[in-house]
Amino acid sequence: MMILRSLIVAIAVVVLAANPIPSGATEAGADDEDRYDVAQAVRVRTNFHLDASLATVQEAAVNISRYPDMSWGVPLSADEAAEMQRRIRQYEATLPLVREARNDPSWAGWWLDHSDGGRPVLLFAADPSTKRAEYGHLLPRVSEVRIENAALTLAELERGRATILAADGELAGEGIVLTGVGIDMSGNQLKVEVERASPAAHAAIAARFHGRFVVREEPAARADACPETGCLPLKGGIGITDQRTGDIQSACTIGYLARRTDVNPDKLVGVTAGHCIVSAEGHGRWRHGSQDIGNSASKGGNPVHTWVNYYNADVGLLNTGQLPSIPSDRDQLLVDESPVVVYDIGATRAHADQVEGMGVCRMGRTTGLMCGEVVDIDDTKKSWFGSQYRWIDHVVDTDLDALGGDSGGSIFYRVEWPSAYAVLVGTHVHSWDGDPDNVHPGEQGWYSPVDRGVNTLDNMLGVTIVPCTTNVCGLP
C-alpha cells in the first residue's frame, strides 16, 4: 500500500498537466467544477483499487450521470459506490471473529487488503491452518477471510513501541529526535518516525528493538488553526472560532455533540480537539460565524481538555449554553457543504474494532469533506502547538492531510442501508507539518478514536460524556 500511495501525487500531476479538466460540461448539469479535485480523486481510486486510469478520472470530472455518487468526496459510479458499501459490510461482518481472536496469545492484528476487494486479513504468530480450524465457527459468510502467519505478535510489537518511546531522552542525546512510533500492521513491524533518517538512527533503534521495523523521516506535527465557517444549526462538522475582543484568534471544527453527565443537570456540549481549547486559554467565547455558542467547558476552574503528555487522546469540550435555542436533533453531522448534506450519527465504533485499510471520511471547516483510508491503527505522535509539544498516545493515522481549522473535525464512515447514517470513529487532531496553505495528497493526518477521548476525559479528568447517537441524546 505504501508504494501505491507514493505514486498518487505523481499521477495527479501528470493528469493535470497533460489533460486539464475542461471548464465546460460535456453533459447537461455537469458543470459543477467545485465537486471535483483531481489529486483527491486519484488518491481515493488508487487506495481502494478502483479504476484510476486517465480516461476514467477525466470522464468522472464531467459526466455526472455516470458518476453521480459523492459519498466518498469524489465522483463514483453507482457500481463503485455499491462496491465500497460491500466492503463496509464485509468489515463489520468480521468484527465478531476479531473480538474473539484478539484475546489469543498469538494474535498479531488485522488489516483490509483493498487489492483483494477489501478482504480482511487476520494475522497470527502461529500456523494459519490451525487458527482457521479454531475460529471456523466465527468466519463470516459474506467474505473469505484470509488468515496468515506473522513473525511477531501484536503484544511483542506493542512492547517494542514502549521500549523505543521510553528511550526518547537517550535518543535525543544521540542526536536522534523521535516524532512518532507506530505499528505497521500489514507489514508486521514497527514504524519509527524521526526528524532525520540516517544509518545512525537505524542502528540506534536496532539496538533497542530486536524485531522488524522501518525508520521513516517525518517532521513533528503542528496544530491546525485558521478561520472559516460552516452552517447552522449547531452540529458536528461545522467550524468554530474563539473570539477575543472581536478578533479571531483561533479556529477549529466541532467533531460531535455529547451529553455531559458529571454535572447536574446534564449538559449538551461540543467535542473538539484538546489543543483547540488550549489555544483559547480559558477566556474568550466560541462562535460559529456571528452566533455565540459558549465558552470552553470547565472542571474545577480549569478548561476541559486532554492535550497532555502521553494521554490517550487529544480532545476538549465547549459549552453550548449561549445558543438562543438548543438543537432538537443532537446527533446531526454535516458530511458535505456543497451541497449541504447532513446525516445522523447512528453509532460509534471503538478503537479496538478499527482496522488498517478501513475507509473513513473527515469533515473539516477548511478542507470540507475528504475521504481515504486508515494507514496505521495505533501510533504515539509528537504534536506541536505554538512552541510546545505533547506526546499523544493511541492515535490513528490516515492518508488525509488537513489545513488549519480542521482540528476537531469528525472522522466517520457512512452506512447506506437500510437508511443512511454516519458511524463516528474519531476526532481529527493533527496533520502533516508541510505547506500551511495546501493539502498534500498521500500525506498523513491522524485522529483520536472516539472511545479513547471519552475514556480519557473520564479517567484523567473525572468528566463523563456520552456521544449523541440519538436525536434527543437523553436530554430534555
Protein backbone atom coordinates (compact mmCIF):
# COMPACT_ATOMS: atom_id res chain seq x y z
CA MET A 1 0.00 0.00 0.00
CA MET A 2 2.84 2.45 0.71
CA ILE A 3 4.14 2.05 -2.86
CA LEU A 4 0.71 2.93 -4.25
CA ARG A 5 0.43 5.98 -2.02
CA SER A 6 3.82 7.23 -3.17
CA LEU A 7 2.55 7.27 -6.77
CA ILE A 8 -0.54 9.37 -6.11
CA VAL A 9 0.96 12.83 -6.36
CA ALA A 10 2.95 11.96 -9.48
CA ILE A 11 -0.12 10.52 -11.23
CA ALA A 12 -2.21 13.56 -10.31
CA VAL A 13 0.42 15.94 -11.67
CA VAL A 14 0.56 14.03 -14.95
CA VAL A 15 -3.24 14.09 -15.25
CA LEU A 16 -3.43 17.81 -14.58
CA ALA A 17 -0.52 18.77 -16.83
CA ALA A 18 -1.37 16.61 -19.82
CA ASN A 19 -5.16 16.72 -19.67
CA PRO A 20 -6.61 19.57 -17.60
CA ILE A 21 -10.22 19.22 -16.55
CA PRO A 22 -12.34 21.12 -19.06
CA SER A 23 -14.11 24.21 -17.80
CA GLY A 24 -17.33 23.34 -19.59
CA ALA A 25 -19.57 20.33 -19.26
CA THR A 26 -19.93 17.51 -21.74
CA GLU A 27 -23.42 16.72 -20.48
CA ALA A 28 -26.28 18.79 -19.15
CA GLY A 29 -25.84 19.64 -15.49
CA ALA A 30 -22.20 18.57 -15.42
CA ASP A 31 -20.60 21.97 -14.94
CA ASP A 32 -20.10 21.83 -11.18
CA GLU A 33 -16.31 22.01 -11.05
CA ASP A 34 -16.38 22.58 -7.28
CA ARG A 35 -17.36 18.96 -6.80
CA TYR A 36 -14.07 17.70 -8.20
CA ASP A 37 -10.43 17.60 -7.14
CA VAL A 38 -8.20 15.56 -9.44
CA ALA A 39 -5.48 14.71 -6.93
CA GLN A 40 -8.05 13.63 -4.35
CA ALA A 41 -9.88 11.51 -6.95
CA VAL A 42 -6.68 9.76 -7.98
CA ARG A 43 -5.76 9.11 -4.35
CA VAL A 44 -9.14 7.63 -3.39
CA ARG A 45 -9.35 5.50 -6.54
CA THR A 46 -5.76 4.28 -6.14
CA ASN A 47 -6.12 3.49 -2.43
CA PHE A 48 -9.21 1.38 -2.93
CA HIS A 49 -8.08 -0.17 -6.22
CA LEU A 50 -10.88 1.33 -8.23
CA ASP A 51 -10.23 2.36 -11.83
CA ALA A 52 -7.74 5.27 -11.60
CA SER A 53 -6.95 5.43 -15.31
CA LEU A 54 -6.59 8.78 -17.02
CA ALA A 55 -9.75 8.21 -19.08
CA THR A 56 -11.87 7.43 -16.00
CA VAL A 57 -10.52 10.33 -13.96
CA GLN A 58 -11.30 12.72 -16.80
CA GLU A 59 -14.75 11.34 -17.52
CA ALA A 60 -15.79 11.31 -13.86
CA ALA A 61 -14.90 15.00 -13.69
CA VAL A 62 -17.64 15.99 -16.14
CA ASN A 63 -20.06 13.09 -16.56
CA ILE A 64 -22.33 13.37 -13.54
CA SER A 65 -24.91 10.99 -14.96
CA ARG A 66 -22.41 8.11 -14.99
CA TYR A 67 -20.53 9.14 -11.82
CA PRO A 68 -23.23 10.61 -9.57
CA ASP A 69 -22.17 9.36 -6.14
CA MET A 70 -20.16 11.78 -3.96
CA SER A 71 -20.35 9.83 -0.69
CA TRP A 72 -16.55 9.41 -0.62
CA GLY A 73 -15.81 13.00 -1.59
CA VAL A 74 -15.05 12.19 -5.25
CA PRO A 75 -17.33 11.15 -8.14
CA LEU A 76 -18.04 7.40 -8.19
CA SER A 77 -20.33 5.35 -10.37
CA ALA A 78 -23.29 3.59 -8.77
CA ASP A 79 -21.45 0.27 -9.06
CA GLU A 80 -18.31 1.69 -7.43
CA ALA A 81 -20.32 3.16 -4.56
CA ALA A 82 -22.06 -0.19 -4.07
CA GLU A 83 -18.66 -1.92 -4.01
CA MET A 84 -17.46 0.43 -1.27
CA GLN A 85 -20.56 -0.36 0.76
CA ARG A 86 -19.96 -4.10 0.21
CA ARG A 87 -16.52 -3.67 1.76
CA ILE A 88 -18.02 -1.95 4.79
CA ARG A 89 -20.43 -4.87 5.27
CA GLN A 90 -17.50 -7.27 4.89
CA TYR A 91 -15.50 -5.39 7.53
CA GLU A 92 -18.38 -5.26 10.01
CA ALA A 93 -19.22 -8.94 9.50
CA THR A 94 -15.66 -9.84 10.52
CA LEU A 95 -15.80 -7.96 13.84
CA PRO A 96 -17.18 -10.87 15.94
CA LEU A 97 -14.25 -13.03 14.83
CA VAL A 98 -11.73 -10.26 15.55
CA ARG A 99 -13.18 -9.59 19.00
CA GLU A 100 -12.65 -13.24 19.87
CA ALA A 101 -9.26 -13.62 18.19
CA ARG A 102 -7.61 -10.61 19.80
CA ASN A 103 -7.61 -12.49 23.12
CA ASP A 104 -5.43 -15.18 21.50
CA PRO A 105 -1.75 -15.01 22.70
CA SER A 106 -0.61 -15.47 19.09
CA TRP A 107 -2.77 -12.60 17.77
CA ALA A 108 -0.79 -10.26 15.51
CA GLY A 109 -3.54 -7.88 14.36
CA TRP A 110 -5.52 -7.48 11.14
CA TRP A 111 -5.90 -5.24 8.11
CA LEU A 112 -8.03 -4.83 4.98
CA ASP A 113 -6.46 -5.69 1.61
CA HIS A 114 -8.08 -3.45 -1.00
CA SER A 115 -6.03 -5.04 -3.76
CA ASP A 116 -8.17 -8.08 -2.96
CA GLY A 117 -11.56 -6.38 -2.74
CA GLY A 118 -11.09 -5.11 0.82
CA ARG A 119 -10.67 -8.66 2.10
CA PRO A 120 -9.97 -8.87 5.87
CA VAL A 121 -6.54 -10.36 6.63
CA LEU A 122 -6.06 -11.78 10.14
CA LEU A 123 -2.51 -12.35 11.39
CA PHE A 124 -1.31 -14.88 13.95
CA ALA A 125 2.18 -15.89 15.03
CA ALA A 126 1.02 -19.47 14.54
CA ASP A 127 0.06 -21.99 11.86
CA PRO A 128 -2.74 -20.37 9.79
CA SER A 129 -4.50 -23.68 9.14
CA THR A 130 -4.73 -24.35 12.87
CA LYS A 131 -6.24 -20.94 13.50
CA ARG A 132 -8.71 -21.29 10.64
CA ALA A 133 -9.95 -24.52 12.21
CA GLU A 134 -10.06 -22.95 15.67
CA TYR A 135 -12.10 -19.93 14.58
CA GLY A 136 -14.02 -21.52 11.73
CA HIS A 137 -17.36 -21.17 13.53
CA LEU A 138 -16.93 -17.38 13.51
CA LEU A 139 -15.85 -16.94 9.89
CA PRO A 140 -18.27 -14.52 8.22
CA ARG A 141 -20.41 -15.82 5.42
CA VAL A 142 -20.11 -12.59 3.44
CA SER A 143 -16.40 -12.96 2.63
CA GLU A 144 -13.48 -15.36 2.57
CA VAL A 145 -11.24 -14.07 5.35
CA ARG A 146 -7.52 -14.62 4.85
CA ILE A 147 -5.60 -15.95 7.84
CA GLU A 148 -1.84 -15.57 7.58
CA ASN A 149 1.30 -16.20 9.61
CA ALA A 150 3.21 -13.34 11.22
CA ALA A 151 6.67 -13.26 12.77
CA LEU A 152 5.70 -11.05 15.74
CA THR A 153 2.60 -10.97 17.90
CA LEU A 154 0.82 -7.68 18.44
CA ALA A 155 1.86 -7.81 22.10
CA GLU A 156 5.53 -8.03 21.05
CA LEU A 157 5.14 -5.05 18.75
CA GLU A 158 3.43 -3.03 21.47
CA ARG A 159 6.24 -3.82 23.94
CA GLY A 160 8.76 -2.74 21.30
CA ARG A 161 6.97 0.53 20.81
CA ALA A 162 7.00 1.19 24.56
CA THR A 163 10.73 0.44 24.69
CA ILE A 164 11.53 2.96 21.96
CA LEU A 165 9.30 5.66 23.45
CA ALA A 166 10.97 5.15 26.83
CA ALA A 167 14.31 5.85 25.14
CA ASP A 168 13.18 9.24 23.79
CA GLY A 169 15.61 11.16 26.02
CA GLU A 170 18.52 8.81 25.31
CA LEU A 171 17.94 9.04 21.57
CA ALA A 172 17.77 12.84 21.73
CA GLY A 173 21.17 12.77 23.45
CA GLU A 174 22.48 10.87 20.43
CA GLY A 175 21.06 13.49 18.08
CA ILE A 176 18.04 11.40 17.07
CA VAL A 177 14.71 13.21 17.50
CA LEU A 178 11.68 10.92 17.66
CA THR A 179 8.45 12.28 16.19
CA GLY A 180 6.31 9.13 16.25
CA VAL A 181 6.27 5.40 16.92
CA GLY A 182 3.54 3.20 15.50
CA ILE A 183 2.72 -0.28 14.28
CA ASP A 184 2.58 -1.14 10.59
CA MET A 185 0.01 -3.91 10.86
CA SER A 186 0.15 -5.21 7.29
CA GLY A 187 3.97 -5.21 7.44
CA ASN A 188 4.04 -6.79 10.93
CA GLN A 189 6.66 -4.28 12.01
CA LEU A 190 7.23 -1.06 13.93
CA LYS A 191 7.18 2.26 12.11
CA VAL A 192 9.63 4.64 13.80
CA GLU A 193 9.45 8.29 12.70
CA VAL A 194 12.38 10.65 13.25
CA GLU A 195 13.17 14.20 12.17
CA ARG A 196 16.22 12.99 10.25
CA ALA A 197 16.51 9.42 8.98
CA SER A 198 20.11 8.17 8.91
CA PRO A 199 22.17 4.99 9.37
CA ALA A 200 22.82 6.15 12.94
CA ALA A 201 19.08 6.39 13.62
CA HIS A 202 18.53 2.91 12.20
CA ALA A 203 21.35 1.49 14.33
CA ALA A 204 20.05 3.19 17.48
CA ILE A 205 16.59 1.70 17.00
CA ALA A 206 18.03 -1.74 16.19
CA ALA A 207 20.00 -1.66 19.46
CA ARG A 208 16.77 -1.22 21.40
CA PHE A 209 14.33 -3.36 19.43
CA HIS A 210 15.39 -6.74 18.05
CA GLY A 211 12.45 -7.17 15.76
CA ARG A 212 11.12 -5.91 12.45
CA PHE A 213 10.95 -2.13 11.98
CA VAL A 214 11.26 0.65 9.42
CA VAL A 215 12.68 4.12 10.06
CA ARG A 216 10.84 6.96 8.34
CA GLU A 217 11.66 10.66 8.15
CA GLU A 218 8.67 12.65 9.38
CA PRO A 219 8.56 16.15 10.95
CA ALA A 220 6.59 16.67 14.14
CA ALA A 221 3.00 17.82 13.69
CA ARG A 222 1.79 21.31 14.33
CA ALA A 223 -1.72 22.08 15.49
CA ASP A 224 -4.25 23.25 12.90
CA ALA A 225 -5.75 26.72 13.40
CA CYS A 226 -7.17 29.30 10.92
CA PRO A 227 -10.57 30.94 10.15
CA GLU A 228 -13.61 29.65 8.19
CA THR A 229 -17.26 28.82 8.95
CA GLY A 230 -19.81 26.18 8.07
CA CYS A 231 -23.57 26.19 8.65
CA LEU A 232 -26.12 26.18 11.48
CA PRO A 233 -27.89 24.64 13.36
CA LEU A 234 -25.12 23.52 15.67
CA LYS A 235 -23.89 20.04 14.78
CA GLY A 236 -20.75 18.02 14.22
CA GLY A 237 -18.61 19.07 11.26
CA ILE A 238 -19.12 22.86 11.48
CA GLY A 239 -16.44 25.49 12.04
CA ILE A 240 -15.92 27.43 15.26
CA THR A 241 -13.72 30.41 16.19
CA ASP A 242 -12.50 31.67 19.54
CA GLN A 243 -13.33 35.38 19.70
CA ARG A 244 -11.40 37.73 21.98
CA THR A 245 -12.29 41.43 21.90
CA GLY A 246 -13.82 40.87 18.49
CA ASP A 247 -10.70 39.45 16.83
CA ILE A 248 -10.36 35.90 15.53
CA GLN A 249 -7.59 34.20 17.46
CA SER A 250 -8.01 30.56 16.52
CA ALA A 251 -10.43 28.31 14.68
CA CYS A 252 -11.37 24.63 14.74
CA THR A 253 -14.23 22.22 13.98
CA ILE A 254 -16.84 20.60 16.21
CA GLY A 255 -16.48 16.83 15.93
CA TYR A 256 -19.80 15.86 17.51
CA LEU A 257 -22.26 16.82 20.23
CA ALA A 258 -22.41 14.89 23.50
CA ARG A 259 -24.27 14.75 26.80
CA ARG A 260 -22.11 15.66 29.79
CA THR A 261 -23.22 13.69 32.85
CA ASP A 262 -20.76 14.70 35.60
CA VAL A 263 -22.74 17.92 36.16
CA ASN A 264 -26.26 18.43 37.43
CA PRO A 265 -28.33 18.76 35.37
CA ASP A 266 -26.72 17.05 32.38
CA LYS A 267 -25.48 19.45 29.69
CA LEU A 268 -25.13 19.41 25.92
CA VAL A 269 -21.50 20.04 24.94
CA GLY A 270 -19.48 20.15 21.76
CA VAL A 271 -16.40 17.95 21.38
CA THR A 272 -13.38 19.28 19.51
CA ALA A 273 -9.59 18.83 19.68
CA GLY A 274 -7.96 19.46 23.06
CA HIS A 275 -5.32 21.78 21.64
CA CYS A 276 -8.15 23.98 20.33
CA ILE A 277 -9.29 24.50 23.92
CA VAL A 278 -5.68 25.21 24.95
CA SER A 279 -5.50 27.87 22.23
CA ALA A 280 -8.44 29.67 23.82
CA GLU A 281 -6.59 29.73 27.16
CA GLY A 282 -9.88 29.56 29.02
CA HIS A 283 -11.11 33.01 28.01
CA GLY A 284 -12.93 34.48 25.05
CA ARG A 285 -16.06 32.92 23.65
CA TRP A 286 -16.55 30.35 20.94
CA ARG A 287 -18.63 31.37 17.94
CA HIS A 288 -19.89 29.88 14.75
CA GLY A 289 -19.98 32.79 12.32
CA SER A 290 -21.79 35.52 14.26
CA GLN A 291 -23.53 33.01 16.56
CA ASP A 292 -22.20 32.90 20.13
CA ILE A 293 -22.02 29.21 21.15
CA GLY A 294 -20.47 29.41 24.61
CA ASN A 295 -17.16 29.28 26.43
CA SER A 296 -14.79 26.38 26.91
CA ALA A 297 -16.26 23.86 29.35
CA SER A 298 -14.52 23.78 32.73
CA LYS A 299 -13.93 21.46 35.68
CA GLY A 300 -12.63 22.82 38.96
CA GLY A 301 -11.99 26.16 37.30
CA ASN A 302 -9.84 24.68 34.52
CA PRO A 303 -10.75 24.25 30.84
CA VAL A 304 -11.61 20.64 29.96
CA HIS A 305 -9.03 19.21 27.56
CA THR A 306 -6.69 16.22 27.27
CA TRP A 307 -3.81 17.78 25.31
CA VAL A 308 -1.44 16.41 27.93
CA ASN A 309 1.76 14.38 27.57
CA TYR A 310 1.03 10.68 27.00
CA TYR A 311 -2.71 10.98 27.41
CA ASN A 312 -4.72 8.60 25.25
CA ALA A 313 -6.48 11.31 23.24
CA ASP A 314 -6.44 14.97 22.24
CA VAL A 315 -10.00 16.17 22.87
CA GLY A 316 -11.68 19.09 24.60
CA LEU A 317 -15.16 20.36 25.40
CA LEU A 318 -17.03 23.59 24.79
CA ASN A 319 -20.37 24.61 26.26
CA THR A 320 -23.44 25.19 24.13
CA GLY A 321 -25.33 27.25 26.68
CA GLN A 322 -25.29 30.57 24.84
CA LEU A 323 -27.36 29.38 21.92
CA PRO A 324 -30.79 31.05 21.65
CA SER A 325 -32.29 27.62 21.03
CA ILE A 326 -30.80 24.21 21.80
CA PRO A 327 -30.69 21.92 18.73
CA SER A 328 -33.53 19.40 18.76
CA ASP A 329 -31.57 16.89 16.66
CA ARG A 330 -28.36 16.50 18.61
CA ASP A 331 -26.97 13.56 16.67
CA GLN A 332 -26.57 15.51 13.43
CA LEU A 333 -23.34 15.61 11.44
CA LEU A 334 -22.56 17.85 8.49
CA VAL A 335 -20.91 15.50 5.99
CA ASP A 336 -20.73 17.81 2.99
CA GLU A 337 -21.41 21.50 2.48
CA SER A 338 -21.57 21.79 -1.31
CA PRO A 339 -24.37 20.89 -1.49
CA VAL A 340 -25.22 20.68 2.20
CA VAL A 341 -25.68 17.06 3.28
CA VAL A 342 -26.48 16.11 6.87
CA TYR A 343 -26.51 12.58 8.31
CA ASP A 344 -27.50 11.37 11.73
CA ILE A 345 -24.76 9.74 13.80
CA GLY A 346 -26.29 6.32 14.33
CA ALA A 347 -23.39 4.53 16.03
CA THR A 348 -19.79 4.80 17.19
CA ARG A 349 -17.01 2.32 16.58
CA ALA A 350 -14.44 1.60 19.33
CA HIS A 351 -10.72 1.83 18.63
CA ALA A 352 -10.34 -1.91 19.15
CA ASP A 353 -12.74 -2.50 16.24
CA GLN A 354 -10.98 -0.15 13.82
CA VAL A 355 -8.56 -1.60 11.30
CA GLU A 356 -5.79 -0.69 8.88
CA GLY A 357 -7.27 -0.21 5.43
CA MET A 358 -10.65 0.92 6.76
CA GLY A 359 -12.27 3.62 4.62
CA VAL A 360 -13.02 6.82 6.56
CA CYS A 361 -14.05 10.40 5.83
CA ARG A 362 -13.31 13.67 7.60
CA MET A 363 -15.43 16.79 7.68
CA GLY A 364 -13.33 19.85 8.50
CA ARG A 365 -14.16 23.53 8.43
CA THR A 366 -11.35 24.33 5.95
CA THR A 367 -10.99 21.35 3.64
CA GLY A 368 -14.61 20.15 3.84
CA LEU A 369 -15.26 16.51 3.02
CA MET A 370 -12.17 14.38 2.39
CA CYS A 371 -12.15 10.57 2.34
CA GLY A 372 -9.42 7.94 2.31
CA GLU A 373 -8.12 5.02 4.34
CA VAL A 374 -6.58 4.21 7.69
CA VAL A 375 -2.81 3.79 7.29
CA ASP A 376 -1.71 2.84 10.83
CA ILE A 377 -4.07 1.90 13.59
CA ASP A 378 -2.26 2.72 16.85
CA ASP A 379 0.56 5.29 17.00
CA THR A 380 2.10 7.61 19.53
CA LYS A 381 2.70 11.02 17.94
CA LYS A 382 4.60 14.14 18.90
CA SER A 383 2.34 17.12 18.25
CA TRP A 384 3.29 20.78 18.43
CA PHE A 385 1.12 23.72 19.41
CA GLY A 386 2.91 27.07 19.31
CA SER A 387 6.29 26.50 20.93
CA GLN A 388 5.21 23.46 22.97
CA TYR A 389 4.71 19.81 22.12
CA ARG A 390 2.94 16.86 23.66
CA TRP A 391 3.16 13.12 23.01
CA ILE A 392 -0.35 11.83 22.27
CA ASP A 393 -0.91 8.07 22.60
CA HIS A 394 -3.12 5.74 20.58
CA VAL A 395 -3.82 7.93 17.56
CA VAL A 396 -4.87 6.51 14.19
CA ASP A 397 -3.07 7.60 11.01
CA THR A 398 -4.96 8.25 7.79
CA ASP A 399 -3.79 9.36 4.35
CA LEU A 400 -5.82 12.57 4.78
CA ASP A 401 -3.75 15.71 5.06
CA ALA A 402 -5.51 18.75 6.54
CA LEU A 403 -5.32 22.51 6.86
CA GLY A 404 -5.65 24.90 9.77
CA GLY A 405 -9.13 24.85 11.24
CA ASP A 406 -9.79 21.15 10.53
CA SER A 407 -8.74 20.21 14.07
CA GLY A 408 -11.58 18.60 16.00
CA GLY A 409 -13.32 17.52 12.78
CA SER A 410 -15.47 14.41 12.62
CA ILE A 411 -13.91 11.15 11.40
CA PHE A 412 -16.58 8.73 10.24
CA TYR A 413 -17.77 6.30 7.62
CA ARG A 414 -21.25 6.10 6.16
CA VAL A 415 -23.64 3.20 6.15
CA GLU A 416 -26.29 3.35 3.43
CA TRP A 417 -28.67 0.61 4.48
CA PRO A 418 -31.49 0.37 5.47
CA SER A 419 -31.21 4.16 5.70
CA ALA A 420 -28.19 6.42 5.57
CA TYR A 421 -26.34 7.24 8.79
CA ALA A 422 -22.80 8.01 9.92
CA VAL A 423 -20.67 5.77 12.13
CA LEU A 424 -18.43 8.02 14.23
CA VAL A 425 -14.88 6.70 14.75
CA GLY A 426 -12.82 9.66 15.96
CA THR A 427 -11.78 13.30 16.21
CA HIS A 428 -9.20 14.77 13.82
CA VAL A 429 -6.30 16.25 15.78
CA HIS A 430 -3.27 16.86 13.54
CA SER A 431 -1.84 16.65 10.07
CA TRP A 432 1.38 16.69 8.12
CA ASP A 433 3.56 19.67 9.01
CA GLY A 434 4.05 20.97 5.49
CA ASP A 435 2.80 23.89 3.43
CA PRO A 436 0.14 25.56 5.64
CA ASP A 437 -1.87 26.68 2.62
CA ASN A 438 -2.18 23.43 0.68
CA VAL A 439 -3.17 19.85 1.37
CA HIS A 440 -0.76 17.21 0.14
CA PRO A 441 -2.40 14.07 -1.31
CA GLY A 442 -0.94 10.98 0.29
CA GLU A 443 0.44 12.77 3.35
CA GLN A 444 -0.92 11.77 6.72
CA GLY A 445 -3.27 13.20 9.29
CA TRP A 446 -4.36 11.49 12.45
CA TYR A 447 -7.26 11.25 14.83
CA SER A 448 -8.06 10.26 18.38
CA PRO A 449 -10.60 7.38 18.43
CA VAL A 450 -13.91 8.47 19.87
CA ASP A 451 -13.87 5.96 22.76
CA ARG A 452 -10.29 6.93 23.66
CA GLY A 453 -11.47 10.53 24.01
CA VAL A 454 -14.48 9.56 26.13
CA ASN A 455 -12.43 7.30 28.41
CA THR A 456 -9.55 9.77 28.80
CA LEU A 457 -11.90 12.56 29.85
CA ASP A 458 -13.39 10.24 32.47
CA ASN A 459 -10.25 8.53 33.76
CA MET A 460 -7.94 11.56 33.79
CA LEU A 461 -10.28 14.46 34.50
CA GLY A 462 -13.41 12.94 36.01
CA VAL A 463 -15.52 14.37 33.17
CA THR A 464 -18.09 12.00 31.68
CA ILE A 465 -19.69 12.40 28.27
CA VAL A 466 -21.92 10.26 26.07
CA PRO A 467 -21.70 10.91 22.29
CA CYS A 468 -25.11 11.75 20.85
CA THR A 469 -26.27 8.83 18.69
CA THR A 470 -29.98 9.58 19.13
CA ASN A 471 -31.70 12.81 18.27
CA VAL A 472 -32.58 13.69 21.86
CA CYS A 473 -29.35 12.31 23.39
CA GLY A 474 -31.10 11.62 26.70
CA LEU A 475 -31.64 15.33 27.34
CA PRO A 476 -34.88 17.30 27.83
